[in-house]
Structure formats: structure tokens, C-alpha cells
Amino acid sequence: MNLQESAASSDFGEWVSEHWDGAVIMPLQILLILVVAWILRRIVHRAIDHALIRMTRERPTRMYGLPGRVRTVDPLTTTAGERRRQRAEAVGSVLRSASSVLIYGIAIVMVLSLLGLPLASLIASAGLVTAALAFGAQNLVKDFLAGIAMLMEDQYGVGDVVDAGPASGTVEEVGLRITRLRDANGVIWYIRNGEIIRLGNKTQGWAVATLDVPVPYGEDLGRVNDVITTTLNELAEDENWRQKILEPPAVLGIESLTADTVTIRISVSTPPLAHDEVTRELRARLKRAFDAAGIRAPLPTHGHPNGNG
């Protein structure tokens, strides 16, 4: 019995000495690689989260210059926090996913190398599979890349009013693949980021209220300009409208001239989305001022082209 036990112990010792690397060292090495990868991933994700938290706490300071001397800040008001939050979440999701794929990819390659598998053929096969998937999902990849570029460049955000071609409205949600808009009729539009060829943002910087004022050809233009200038100054000095006029309004001059009408163009710089409201108020004030000054609107010409009634 002792001889049998001694032989068994000797056989076990020989087996352990022969398979020590494969049975003990290699599993420990694989476990160590996976643990290090997991710890490194946690550290990178936490660093990304801290960086994004700091980014969302910072207030936007980008400035937009007017044609003249006035400068105004990007008008992020009640939606500023939501805009920055969604942008940070989208960017953070991309960074976390990319870091996880990179770290775990390196760890898997190291494990396969320890196992003695042919990495060259595996990498070639993985490359072919990746290329096939990328070709089949090229529209999806295009949307994600466009979404990442849009977020990095901060082209628009939640609360902005944009014109994206077929669909226009207020941005309600910004994602990496799809942007959601709600138009003036309440219809929700889902736009793929990769399909946005051109986009106009109506809420960044400043806007211009342009108004063409027709007056009869025989009116004294000096008197008309005095009435218009007085009306513009009164509007700019009104406490209820002072915040909606960024620069002193300007009479640009005669825009068009016909046999019956002289059209004078007026320009007023306003905050984003305020130009329509300012234009309507200016029309009403000019109507009252023209009535008080006896300036009548030009009458349409009736009759035949040859002048016969």
C-alpha cells in the first residue's frame, strides 16, 4: 500500500511538474489580464464621467458678433441644462463604448496569444466579418458618424429652432443616430443624422427684422424718412421693446422704384426668434405714424395697359 501511494504521489508530482504552466500559471495569467482590463475600464469610464460632469456644469461662453459693435451670447435659457446634458450623455456613451471595445479587445488578443492560437488568421477573419457588417450597416455607421460630428461641433441642441430642409421645427431630442423635431403644427419629425445635408439654426446669435415700406411715388422722401426714423427711435427707446433690439434700427434706403411706388427698406437687429414680433410691432407703429402725418399707402393702378379706362 505504501508503495502504491508512493507511486501515485510520484506520478502526481510528475504530472504537476509537466503541466504546471498550463494548469496553474496560464489560468492565473488569463485571470490577471481580465482583472487588469476590468479595473482599467472602470478607471477610464470614471475619468470620462468626471470630465463630462465638469463640461455640463460650465456655462456656454461662445460669442456671436453683429455687423456693428454689439455682441451677444448664444441664447441658451431654460433649455441650456437639457441641451448640455443630452450632448454630454451622447458623447459619453461613444467614449465609454470605444474605450471598452479597445481595452477588452487588447485583453482578448493577449489571452489568445497565451493560449497559442493563430492570431494572424483570427485577425484576418475578424477583419472580414467587420468589413461585411460595416458594408451591410453603412447607413447606420453614416448616421452615427454624422451624429458624433454634429455633437462635437455643437451645430444645434435641444430647444433650438432649425430648418433641416423638408422638416423644420424645435429640436426636442438629439441622439447619435436620430434627431427629433416638432414643427409649428405639433408634428414630430425623426431625421437621420446622416441624411442632413444642410441645416439652418435660427436660434444662434442674432436675427434681422427686415421690413419694406411702400409709399406713393409723389411723397416727399425726406418727410417719409423723418417719420420712419422717429418711429424707429421710439420703438428702440420703449422699455417693453428695448431688450429685443440689439442695434439702433437703420433705414437702408430705397429698395425698389416703380411708376407708382417707392419702397423703402428698414433693418433691425434682434435676438433670435424675435424678428417676427419686432416686425409686426413696427408695422403697427408705422401705420399709426403715417396716418398722423397724412402719408397714404400707394393705390393700385386699374385700367388697361394702354391707359384707356
C-alpha atoms as a PDB file:
ATOM      1  CA  MET A   1       0.000   0.000   0.000  1.00  0.00           C
ATOM      2  CA  ASN A   2       2.779   2.371   0.836  1.00  0.00           C
ATOM      3  CA  LEU A   3       4.473   1.538  -2.424  1.00  0.00           C
ATOM      4  CA  GLN A   4       1.248   2.257  -4.324  1.00  0.00           C
ATOM      5  CA  GLU A   5       0.776   5.557  -2.522  1.00  0.00           C
ATOM      6  CA  SER A   6       4.370   6.482  -3.169  1.00  0.00           C
ATOM      7  CA  ALA A   7       3.978   5.636  -6.861  1.00  0.00           C
ATOM      8  CA  ALA A   8       0.756   7.638  -7.098  1.00  0.00           C
ATOM      9  CA  SER A   9       2.362  10.584  -5.356  1.00  0.00           C
ATOM     10  CA  SER A  10       5.335  10.360  -7.686  1.00  0.00           C
ATOM     11  CA  ASP A  11       3.043  10.238 -10.723  1.00  0.00           C
ATOM     12  CA  PHE A  12       1.071  13.239  -9.456  1.00  0.00           C
ATOM     13  CA  GLY A  13       4.273  15.187  -8.859  1.00  0.00           C
ATOM     14  CA  GLU A  14       5.481  14.384 -12.343  1.00  0.00           C
ATOM     15  CA  TRP A  15       2.092  15.429 -13.827  1.00  0.00           C
ATOM     16  CA  VAL A  16       2.142  18.683 -11.880  1.00  0.00           C
ATOM     17  CA  SER A  17       5.703  19.439 -12.940  1.00  0.00           C
ATOM     18  CA  GLU A  18       4.843  18.724 -16.575  1.00  0.00           C
ATOM     19  CA  HIS A  19       1.552  20.649 -16.622  1.00  0.00           C
ATOM     20  CA  TRP A  20       2.330  23.386 -14.102  1.00  0.00           C
ATOM     21  CA  ASP A  21       2.424  26.154 -16.666  1.00  0.00           C
ATOM     22  CA  GLY A  22      -0.778  25.089 -18.387  1.00  0.00           C
ATOM     23  CA  ALA A  23      -2.754  24.141 -15.284  1.00  0.00           C
ATOM     24  CA  VAL A  24      -1.735  26.925 -12.889  1.00  0.00           C
ATOM     25  CA  ILE A  25       0.385  29.682 -14.444  1.00  0.00           C
ATOM     26  CA  MET A  26      -1.691  30.204 -17.592  1.00  0.00           C
ATOM     27  CA  PRO A  27      -5.088  30.462 -15.824  1.00  0.00           C
ATOM     28  CA  LEU A  28      -3.575  32.910 -13.359  1.00  0.00           C
ATOM     29  CA  GLN A  29      -2.156  34.975 -16.193  1.00  0.00           C
ATOM     30  CA  ILE A  30      -5.515  34.994 -18.008  1.00  0.00           C
ATOM     31  CA  LEU A  31      -7.308  35.952 -14.796  1.00  0.00           C
ATOM     32  CA  LEU A  32      -4.786  38.724 -14.155  1.00  0.00           C
ATOM     33  CA  ILE A  33      -5.224  40.112 -17.694  1.00  0.00           C
ATOM     34  CA  LEU A  34      -9.021  40.166 -17.333  1.00  0.00           C
ATOM     35  CA  VAL A  35      -8.896  41.765 -13.886  1.00  0.00           C
ATOM     36  CA  VAL A  36      -6.473  44.445 -15.051  1.00  0.00           C
ATOM     37  CA  ALA A  37      -8.651  45.119 -18.102  1.00  0.00           C
ATOM     38  CA  TRP A  38     -11.759  45.432 -15.911  1.00  0.00           C
ATOM     39  CA  ILE A  39     -10.006  47.797 -13.475  1.00  0.00           C
ATOM     40  CA  LEU A  40      -8.588  49.893 -16.321  1.00  0.00           C
ATOM     41  CA  ARG A  41     -12.042  50.105 -17.933  1.00  0.00           C
ATOM     42  CA  ARG A  42     -13.576  51.316 -14.657  1.00  0.00           C
ATOM     43  CA  ILE A  43     -10.862  53.955 -14.262  1.00  0.00           C
ATOM     44  CA  VAL A  44     -11.300  55.222 -17.829  1.00  0.00           C
ATOM     45  CA  HIS A  45     -15.112  55.313 -17.518  1.00  0.00           C
ATOM     46  CA  ARG A  46     -14.905  57.222 -14.261  1.00  0.00           C
ATOM     47  CA  ALA A  47     -12.489  59.724 -15.789  1.00  0.00           C
ATOM     48  CA  ILE A  48     -14.884  60.203 -18.733  1.00  0.00           C
ATOM     49  CA  ASP A  49     -17.833  60.707 -16.363  1.00  0.00           C
ATOM     50  CA  HIS A  50     -15.944  63.312 -14.312  1.00  0.00           C
ATOM     51  CA  ALA A  51     -14.906  65.184 -17.449  1.00  0.00           C
ATOM     52  CA  LEU A  52     -18.478  65.221 -18.754  1.00  0.00           C
ATOM     53  CA  ILE A  53     -19.857  66.396 -15.403  1.00  0.00           C
ATOM     54  CA  ARG A  54     -17.468  69.335 -15.475  1.00  0.00           C
ATOM     55  CA  MET A  55     -18.471  70.072 -19.054  1.00  0.00           C
ATOM     56  CA  THR A  56     -22.193  70.129 -18.198  1.00  0.00           C
ATOM     57  CA  ARG A  57     -21.610  72.467 -15.259  1.00  0.00           C
ATOM     58  CA  GLU A  58     -19.788  75.050 -17.348  1.00  0.00           C
ATOM     59  CA  ARG A  59     -21.985  77.760 -18.814  1.00  0.00           C
ATOM     60  CA  PRO A  60     -21.646  78.436 -22.539  1.00  0.00           C
ATOM     61  CA  THR A  61     -19.476  81.416 -23.310  1.00  0.00           C
ATOM     62  CA  ARG A  62     -19.361  81.381 -27.096  1.00  0.00           C
ATOM     63  CA  MET A  63     -19.938  84.860 -28.519  1.00  0.00           C
ATOM     64  CA  TYR A  64     -21.541  85.917 -31.740  1.00  0.00           C
ATOM     65  CA  GLY A  65     -20.642  89.204 -33.399  1.00  0.00           C
ATOM     66  CA  LEU A  66     -23.163  91.533 -35.007  1.00  0.00           C
ATOM     67  CA  PRO A  67     -22.364  93.564 -38.116  1.00  0.00           C
ATOM     68  CA  GLY A  68     -21.827  96.593 -35.868  1.00  0.00           C
ATOM     69  CA  ARG A  69     -20.417  96.991 -32.397  1.00  0.00           C
ATOM     70  CA  VAL A  70     -22.887  94.891 -30.403  1.00  0.00           C
ATOM     71  CA  ARG A  71     -22.048  91.333 -29.381  1.00  0.00           C
ATOM     72  CA  THR A  72     -24.465  88.863 -27.935  1.00  0.00           C
ATOM     73  CA  VAL A  73     -24.236  85.444 -26.286  1.00  0.00           C
ATOM     74  CA  ASP A  74     -25.746  82.232 -27.608  1.00  0.00           C
ATOM     75  CA  PRO A  75     -29.328  82.391 -26.234  1.00  0.00           C
ATOM     76  CA  LEU A  76     -29.491  79.270 -24.085  1.00  0.00           C
ATOM     77  CA  THR A  77     -32.059  79.929 -21.390  1.00  0.00           C
ATOM     78  CA  THR A  78     -34.424  77.342 -19.921  1.00  0.00           C
ATOM     79  CA  THR A  79     -33.150  74.598 -22.228  1.00  0.00           C
ATOM     80  CA  ALA A  80     -29.449  75.162 -21.600  1.00  0.00           C
ATOM     81  CA  GLY A  81     -29.126  72.425 -18.987  1.00  0.00           C
ATOM     82  CA  GLU A  82     -31.052  69.910 -21.052  1.00  0.00           C
ATOM     83  CA  ARG A  83     -29.002  70.733 -24.133  1.00  0.00           C
ATOM     84  CA  ARG A  84     -25.697  70.245 -22.350  1.00  0.00           C
ATOM     85  CA  ARG A  85     -26.969  67.113 -20.575  1.00  0.00           C
ATOM     86  CA  GLN A  86     -28.027  65.357 -23.772  1.00  0.00           C
ATOM     87  CA  ARG A  87     -24.849  66.360 -25.529  1.00  0.00           C
ATOM     88  CA  ALA A  88     -22.743  65.052 -22.629  1.00  0.00           C
ATOM     89  CA  GLU A  89     -24.702  61.778 -22.497  1.00  0.00           C
ATOM     90  CA  ALA A  90     -24.272  61.153 -26.208  1.00  0.00           C
ATOM     91  CA  VAL A  91     -20.556  61.976 -26.215  1.00  0.00           C
ATOM     92  CA  GLY A  92     -20.033  59.983 -23.019  1.00  0.00           C
ATOM     93  CA  SER A  93     -21.790  56.952 -24.493  1.00  0.00           C
ATOM     94  CA  VAL A  94     -19.492  56.998 -27.504  1.00  0.00           C
ATOM     95  CA  LEU A  95     -16.345  57.442 -25.430  1.00  0.00           C
ATOM     96  CA  ARG A  96     -17.293  54.710 -22.942  1.00  0.00           C
ATOM     97  CA  SER A  97     -18.163  52.239 -25.691  1.00  0.00           C
ATOM     98  CA  ALA A  98     -14.990  52.981 -27.630  1.00  0.00           C
ATOM     99  CA  SER A  99     -12.798  52.630 -24.537  1.00  0.00           C
ATOM    100  CA  SER A 100     -14.481  49.342 -23.548  1.00  0.00           C
ATOM    101  CA  VAL A 101     -14.020  47.861 -27.019  1.00  0.00           C
ATOM    102  CA  LEU A 102     -10.388  48.953 -27.128  1.00  0.00           C
ATOM    103  CA  ILE A 103      -9.457  47.701 -23.643  1.00  0.00           C
ATOM    104  CA  TYR A 104     -11.287  44.382 -23.872  1.00  0.00           C
ATOM    105  CA  GLY A 105     -10.071  43.882 -27.442  1.00  0.00           C
ATOM    106  CA  ILE A 106      -6.464  44.179 -26.326  1.00  0.00           C
ATOM    107  CA  ALA A 107      -7.151  41.852 -23.388  1.00  0.00           C
ATOM    108  CA  ILE A 108      -8.716  39.206 -25.647  1.00  0.00           C
ATOM    109  CA  VAL A 109      -5.772  39.357 -28.046  1.00  0.00           C
ATOM    110  CA  MET A 110      -3.378  38.850 -25.121  1.00  0.00           C
ATOM    111  CA  VAL A 111      -5.401  35.868 -23.860  1.00  0.00           C
ATOM    112  CA  LEU A 112      -5.494  34.253 -27.295  1.00  0.00           C
ATOM    113  CA  SER A 113      -1.760  34.760 -27.569  1.00  0.00           C
ATOM    114  CA  LEU A 114      -1.246  32.950 -24.255  1.00  0.00           C
ATOM    115  CA  LEU A 115      -3.426  30.072 -25.477  1.00  0.00           C
ATOM    116  CA  GLY A 116      -1.223  29.697 -28.529  1.00  0.00           C
ATOM    117  CA  LEU A 117      -3.960  30.322 -31.092  1.00  0.00           C
ATOM    118  CA  PRO A 118      -3.017  31.613 -34.568  1.00  0.00           C
ATOM    119  CA  LEU A 119      -3.679  35.324 -34.175  1.00  0.00           C
ATOM    120  CA  ALA A 120      -2.977  36.180 -37.804  1.00  0.00           C
ATOM    121  CA  SER A 121      -5.793  34.021 -39.169  1.00  0.00           C
ATOM    122  CA  LEU A 122      -8.168  35.092 -36.389  1.00  0.00           C
ATOM    123  CA  ILE A 123      -7.474  38.789 -37.012  1.00  0.00           C
ATOM    124  CA  ALA A 124      -7.930  38.286 -40.756  1.00  0.00           C
ATOM    125  CA  SER A 125     -11.263  36.509 -40.192  1.00  0.00           C
ATOM    126  CA  ALA A 126     -12.414  39.201 -37.761  1.00  0.00           C
ATOM    127  CA  GLY A 127     -11.456  41.859 -40.297  1.00  0.00           C
ATOM    128  CA  LEU A 128     -13.538  40.182 -42.983  1.00  0.00           C
ATOM    129  CA  VAL A 129     -16.537  39.871 -40.650  1.00  0.00           C
ATOM    130  CA  THR A 130     -16.177  43.512 -39.577  1.00  0.00           C
ATOM    131  CA  ALA A 131     -15.963  44.660 -43.196  1.00  0.00           C
ATOM    132  CA  ALA A 132     -19.094  42.667 -44.087  1.00  0.00           C
ATOM    133  CA  LEU A 133     -21.011  44.097 -41.141  1.00  0.00           C
ATOM    134  CA  ALA A 134     -19.837  47.627 -41.929  1.00  0.00           C
ATOM    135  CA  PHE A 135     -20.926  47.245 -45.564  1.00  0.00           C
ATOM    136  CA  GLY A 136     -24.346  45.940 -44.555  1.00  0.00           C
ATOM    137  CA  ALA A 137     -24.860  48.661 -41.963  1.00  0.00           C
ATOM    138  CA  GLN A 138     -23.192  51.532 -43.795  1.00  0.00           C
ATOM    139  CA  ASN A 139     -26.242  53.791 -43.403  1.00  0.00           C
ATOM    140  CA  LEU A 140     -26.217  53.150 -39.663  1.00  0.00           C
ATOM    141  CA  VAL A 141     -22.489  53.882 -39.462  1.00  0.00           C
ATOM    142  CA  LYS A 142     -23.015  57.028 -41.528  1.00  0.00           C
ATOM    143  CA  ASP A 143     -25.723  58.238 -39.138  1.00  0.00           C
ATOM    144  CA  PHE A 144     -23.540  57.623 -36.080  1.00  0.00           C
ATOM    145  CA  LEU A 145     -20.507  59.368 -37.555  1.00  0.00           C
ATOM    146  CA  ALA A 146     -22.634  62.346 -38.575  1.00  0.00           C
ATOM    147  CA  GLY A 147     -24.173  62.450 -35.088  1.00  0.00           C
ATOM    148  CA  ILE A 148     -20.754  62.428 -33.438  1.00  0.00           C
ATOM    149  CA  ALA A 149     -19.520  65.261 -35.676  1.00  0.00           C
ATOM    150  CA  MET A 150     -22.681  67.267 -35.026  1.00  0.00           C
ATOM    151  CA  LEU A 151     -22.329  66.885 -31.266  1.00  0.00           C
ATOM    152  CA  MET A 152     -18.634  67.709 -31.242  1.00  0.00           C
ATOM    153  CA  GLU A 153     -19.206  70.853 -33.309  1.00  0.00           C
ATOM    154  CA  ASP A 154     -22.347  71.804 -31.317  1.00  0.00           C
ATOM    155  CA  GLN A 155     -24.249  72.644 -34.511  1.00  0.00           C
ATOM    156  CA  TYR A 156     -27.600  72.602 -32.687  1.00  0.00           C
ATOM    157  CA  GLY A 157     -29.121  71.393 -29.448  1.00  0.00           C
ATOM    158  CA  VAL A 158     -32.336  70.899 -27.516  1.00  0.00           C
ATOM    159  CA  GLY A 159     -34.551  73.971 -27.772  1.00  0.00           C
ATOM    160  CA  ASP A 160     -33.017  75.318 -30.988  1.00  0.00           C
ATOM    161  CA  VAL A 161     -35.313  76.142 -33.912  1.00  0.00           C
ATOM    162  CA  VAL A 162     -33.783  74.684 -37.056  1.00  0.00           C
ATOM    163  CA  ASP A 163     -34.556  74.327 -40.753  1.00  0.00           C
ATOM    164  CA  ALA A 164     -33.432  70.890 -41.930  1.00  0.00           C
ATOM    165  CA  GLY A 165     -34.968  71.054 -45.400  1.00  0.00           C
ATOM    166  CA  PRO A 166     -38.178  69.008 -45.603  1.00  0.00           C
ATOM    167  CA  ALA A 167     -38.633  69.266 -41.822  1.00  0.00           C
ATOM    168  CA  SER A 168     -38.344  72.383 -39.702  1.00  0.00           C
ATOM    169  CA  GLY A 169     -39.157  72.998 -36.060  1.00  0.00           C
ATOM    170  CA  THR A 170     -37.904  72.951 -32.494  1.00  0.00           C
ATOM    171  CA  VAL A 171     -35.311  70.338 -31.526  1.00  0.00           C
ATOM    172  CA  GLU A 172     -36.710  68.109 -28.758  1.00  0.00           C
ATOM    173  CA  GLU A 173     -34.047  65.396 -28.652  1.00  0.00           C
ATOM    174  CA  VAL A 174     -30.574  64.946 -30.085  1.00  0.00           C
ATOM    175  CA  GLY A 175     -29.193  61.440 -30.479  1.00  0.00           C
ATOM    176  CA  LEU A 176     -26.238  59.869 -32.204  1.00  0.00           C
ATOM    177  CA  ARG A 177     -28.446  58.357 -34.920  1.00  0.00           C
ATOM    178  CA  ILE A 178     -31.666  60.412 -34.988  1.00  0.00           C
ATOM    179  CA  THR A 179     -32.680  63.996 -34.244  1.00  0.00           C
ATOM    180  CA  ARG A 180     -36.303  64.640 -33.228  1.00  0.00           C
ATOM    181  CA  LEU A 181     -38.052  67.866 -34.249  1.00  0.00           C
ATOM    182  CA  ARG A 182     -41.530  69.235 -33.545  1.00  0.00           C
ATOM    183  CA  ASP A 183     -42.887  71.635 -36.146  1.00  0.00           C
ATOM    184  CA  ALA A 184     -45.323  74.539 -35.728  1.00  0.00           C
ATOM    185  CA  ASN A 185     -48.309  72.195 -36.228  1.00  0.00           C
ATOM    186  CA  GLY A 186     -47.189  69.836 -33.468  1.00  0.00           C
ATOM    187  CA  VAL A 187     -45.982  67.123 -35.851  1.00  0.00           C
ATOM    188  CA  ILE A 188     -42.901  65.216 -34.655  1.00  0.00           C
ATOM    189  CA  TRP A 189     -40.221  64.585 -37.264  1.00  0.00           C
ATOM    190  CA  TYR A 190     -37.479  61.974 -36.878  1.00  0.00           C
ATOM    191  CA  ILE A 191     -34.445  62.849 -39.001  1.00  0.00           C
ATOM    192  CA  ARG A 192     -31.472  60.557 -39.530  1.00  0.00           C
ATOM    193  CA  ASN A 193     -28.300  62.494 -38.836  1.00  0.00           C
ATOM    194  CA  GLY A 194     -26.585  61.080 -41.911  1.00  0.00           C
ATOM    195  CA  GLU A 195     -29.334  62.448 -44.162  1.00  0.00           C
ATOM    196  CA  ILE A 196     -28.958  66.067 -43.026  1.00  0.00           C
ATOM    197  CA  ILE A 197     -27.198  67.718 -45.954  1.00  0.00           C
ATOM    198  CA  ARG A 198     -27.678  71.309 -44.818  1.00  0.00           C
ATOM    199  CA  LEU A 199     -29.237  72.805 -41.709  1.00  0.00           C
ATOM    200  CA  GLY A 200     -30.094  76.343 -40.673  1.00  0.00           C
ATOM    201  CA  ASN A 201     -30.122  77.226 -36.979  1.00  0.00           C
ATOM    202  CA  LYS A 202     -32.456  80.129 -36.234  1.00  0.00           C
ATOM    203  CA  THR A 203     -31.568  80.465 -32.549  1.00  0.00           C
ATOM    204  CA  GLN A 204     -27.822  81.052 -32.539  1.00  0.00           C
ATOM    205  CA  GLY A 205     -26.514  84.582 -32.247  1.00  0.00           C
ATOM    206  CA  TRP A 206     -28.851  87.164 -33.678  1.00  0.00           C
ATOM    207  CA  ALA A 207     -31.537  87.755 -36.307  1.00  0.00           C
ATOM    208  CA  VAL A 208     -32.530  90.607 -38.606  1.00  0.00           C
ATOM    209  CA  ALA A 209     -36.019  92.057 -38.917  1.00  0.00           C
ATOM    210  CA  THR A 210     -36.326  93.420 -42.453  1.00  0.00           C
ATOM    211  CA  LEU A 211     -39.359  95.479 -43.468  1.00  0.00           C
ATOM    212  CA  ASP A 212     -40.130  97.003 -46.880  1.00  0.00           C
ATOM    213  CA  VAL A 213     -42.350 100.104 -46.629  1.00  0.00           C
ATOM    214  CA  PRO A 214     -44.129 101.190 -49.840  1.00  0.00           C
ATOM    215  CA  VAL A 215     -45.074 104.865 -50.202  1.00  0.00           C
ATOM    216  CA  PRO A 216     -46.638 106.759 -53.130  1.00  0.00           C
ATOM    217  CA  TYR A 217     -44.209 107.972 -55.782  1.00  0.00           C
ATOM    218  CA  GLY A 218     -45.159 111.613 -55.246  1.00  0.00           C
ATOM    219  CA  GLU A 219     -44.463 111.690 -51.500  1.00  0.00           C
ATOM    220  CA  ASP A 220     -41.631 113.792 -50.112  1.00  0.00           C
ATOM    221  CA  LEU A 221     -38.996 111.148 -49.250  1.00  0.00           C
ATOM    222  CA  GLY A 222     -37.303 113.436 -46.743  1.00  0.00           C
ATOM    223  CA  ARG A 223     -40.518 113.720 -44.745  1.00  0.00           C
ATOM    224  CA  VAL A 224     -41.151 109.982 -45.059  1.00  0.00           C
ATOM    225  CA  ASN A 225     -37.642 109.181 -43.786  1.00  0.00           C
ATOM    226  CA  ASP A 226     -38.135 111.560 -40.838  1.00  0.00           C
ATOM    227  CA  VAL A 227     -41.384 109.801 -39.870  1.00  0.00           C
ATOM    228  CA  ILE A 228     -39.781 106.354 -40.191  1.00  0.00           C
ATOM    229  CA  THR A 229     -36.682 107.389 -38.212  1.00  0.00           C
ATOM    230  CA  THR A 230     -38.795 108.882 -35.414  1.00  0.00           C
ATOM    231  CA  THR A 231     -40.903 105.714 -35.250  1.00  0.00           C
ATOM    232  CA  LEU A 232     -37.796 103.521 -35.105  1.00  0.00           C
ATOM    233  CA  ASN A 233     -36.264 105.580 -32.313  1.00  0.00           C
ATOM    234  CA  GLU A 234     -39.476 105.443 -30.290  1.00  0.00           C
ATOM    235  CA  LEU A 235     -39.556 101.666 -30.664  1.00  0.00           C
ATOM    236  CA  ALA A 236     -35.899 101.321 -29.617  1.00  0.00           C
ATOM    237  CA  GLU A 237     -36.439 103.501 -26.531  1.00  0.00           C
ATOM    238  CA  ASP A 238     -39.622 101.724 -25.410  1.00  0.00           C
ATOM    239  CA  GLU A 239     -38.930  99.767 -22.200  1.00  0.00           C
ATOM    240  CA  ASN A 240     -41.052  96.849 -23.425  1.00  0.00           C
ATOM    241  CA  TRP A 241     -39.032  96.519 -26.649  1.00  0.00           C
ATOM    242  CA  ARG A 242     -35.570  97.729 -25.660  1.00  0.00           C
ATOM    243  CA  GLN A 243     -34.318  94.204 -24.882  1.00  0.00           C
ATOM    244  CA  LYS A 244     -35.470  92.952 -28.284  1.00  0.00           C
ATOM    245  CA  ILE A 245     -33.438  95.451 -30.301  1.00  0.00           C
ATOM    246  CA  LEU A 246     -29.697  94.838 -30.304  1.00  0.00           C
ATOM    247  CA  GLU A 247     -28.592  97.703 -32.533  1.00  0.00           C
ATOM    248  CA  PRO A 248     -30.044 101.100 -33.454  1.00  0.00           C
ATOM    249  CA  PRO A 249     -32.545 100.444 -36.272  1.00  0.00           C
ATOM    250  CA  ALA A 250     -31.433 101.634 -39.698  1.00  0.00           C
ATOM    251  CA  VAL A 251     -33.219 102.956 -42.777  1.00  0.00           C
ATOM    252  CA  LEU A 252     -31.276 101.294 -45.581  1.00  0.00           C
ATOM    253  CA  GLY A 253     -32.795 103.416 -48.330  1.00  0.00           C
ATOM    254  CA  ILE A 254     -34.824 102.822 -51.482  1.00  0.00           C
ATOM    255  CA  GLU A 255     -35.156  99.104 -52.260  1.00  0.00           C
ATOM    256  CA  SER A 256     -37.261  99.365 -55.415  1.00  0.00           C
ATOM    257  CA  LEU A 257     -38.839 102.009 -57.597  1.00  0.00           C
ATOM    258  CA  THR A 258     -41.864 101.820 -59.894  1.00  0.00           C
ATOM    259  CA  ALA A 259     -44.084 104.315 -61.672  1.00  0.00           C
ATOM    260  CA  ASP A 260     -46.450 104.455 -58.680  1.00  0.00           C
ATOM    261  CA  THR A 261     -44.480 103.268 -55.643  1.00  0.00           C
ATOM    262  CA  VAL A 262     -41.220 103.868 -53.825  1.00  0.00           C
ATOM    263  CA  THR A 263     -40.239 101.011 -51.500  1.00  0.00           C
ATOM    264  CA  ILE A 264     -38.006 101.884 -48.525  1.00  0.00           C
ATOM    265  CA  ARG A 265     -36.209  99.090 -46.652  1.00  0.00           C
ATOM    266  CA  ILE A 266     -35.746  99.084 -42.864  1.00  0.00           C
ATOM    267  CA  SER A 267     -33.400  96.751 -40.935  1.00  0.00           C
ATOM    268  CA  VAL A 268     -33.422  95.966 -37.202  1.00  0.00           C
ATOM    269  CA  SER A 269     -31.038  93.532 -35.437  1.00  0.00           C
ATOM    270  CA  THR A 270     -32.875  91.420 -32.855  1.00  0.00           C
ATOM    271  CA  PRO A 271     -32.250  88.392 -30.660  1.00  0.00           C
ATOM    272  CA  PRO A 272     -33.030  85.016 -32.261  1.00  0.00           C
ATOM    273  CA  LEU A 273     -36.715  84.355 -32.983  1.00  0.00           C
ATOM    274  CA  ALA A 274     -37.696  87.932 -32.040  1.00  0.00           C
ATOM    275  CA  HIS A 275     -37.549  89.384 -35.547  1.00  0.00           C
ATOM    276  CA  ASP A 276     -41.119  88.444 -36.494  1.00  0.00           C
ATOM    277  CA  GLU A 277     -42.505  90.011 -33.316  1.00  0.00           C
ATOM    278  CA  VAL A 278     -40.477  93.187 -33.821  1.00  0.00           C
ATOM    279  CA  THR A 279     -41.559  93.384 -37.469  1.00  0.00           C
ATOM    280  CA  ARG A 280     -45.247  93.155 -36.562  1.00  0.00           C
ATOM    281  CA  GLU A 281     -44.910  95.863 -33.902  1.00  0.00           C
ATOM    282  CA  LEU A 282     -43.009  98.084 -36.324  1.00  0.00           C
ATOM    283  CA  ARG A 283     -45.735  97.732 -38.974  1.00  0.00           C
ATOM    284  CA  ALA A 284     -48.398  98.786 -36.486  1.00  0.00           C
ATOM    285  CA  ARG A 285     -46.384 101.805 -35.316  1.00  0.00           C
ATOM    286  CA  LEU A 286     -45.613 102.903 -38.878  1.00  0.00           C
ATOM    287  CA  LYS A 287     -49.291 102.633 -39.801  1.00  0.00           C
ATOM    288  CA  ARG A 288     -50.254 104.973 -36.955  1.00  0.00           C
ATOM    289  CA  ALA A 289     -47.365 107.357 -37.719  1.00  0.00           C
ATOM    290  CA  PHE A 290     -48.233 107.526 -41.430  1.00  0.00           C
ATOM    291  CA  ASP A 291     -51.887 108.166 -40.649  1.00  0.00           C
ATOM    292  CA  ALA A 292     -50.931 111.000 -38.293  1.00  0.00           C
ATOM    293  CA  ALA A 293     -48.582 112.509 -40.898  1.00  0.00           C
ATOM    294  CA  GLY A 294     -51.078 112.157 -43.756  1.00  0.00           C
ATOM    295  CA  ILE A 295     -48.920 109.697 -45.700  1.00  0.00           C
ATOM    296  CA  ARG A 296     -51.170 107.311 -47.576  1.00  0.00           C
ATOM    297  CA  ALA A 297     -50.371 103.891 -48.946  1.00  0.00           C
ATOM    298  CA  PRO A 298     -49.922 103.767 -52.736  1.00  0.00           C
ATOM    299  CA  LEU A 299     -53.134 102.920 -54.573  1.00  0.00           C
ATOM    300  CA  PRO A 300     -53.157 100.059 -57.084  1.00  0.00           C
ATOM    301  CA  THR A 301     -53.328 101.078 -60.721  1.00  0.00           C
ATOM    302  CA  HIS A 302     -56.501  99.999 -62.562  1.00  0.00           C
ATOM    303  CA  GLY A 303     -57.284 100.032 -66.215  1.00  0.00           C
ATOM    304  CA  HIS A 304     -55.857  98.696 -69.443  1.00  0.00           C
ATOM    305  CA  PRO A 305     -52.153  98.685 -70.212  1.00  0.00           C
ATOM    306  CA  ASN A 306     -52.668 101.273 -72.950  1.00  0.00           C
ATOM    307  CA  GLY A 307     -54.067 103.734 -70.427  1.00  0.00           C
ATOM    308  CA  ASN A 308     -57.704 103.614 -71.562  1.00  0.00           C
ATOM    309  CA  GLY A 309     -60.157 103.372 -68.685  1.00  0.00           C
END
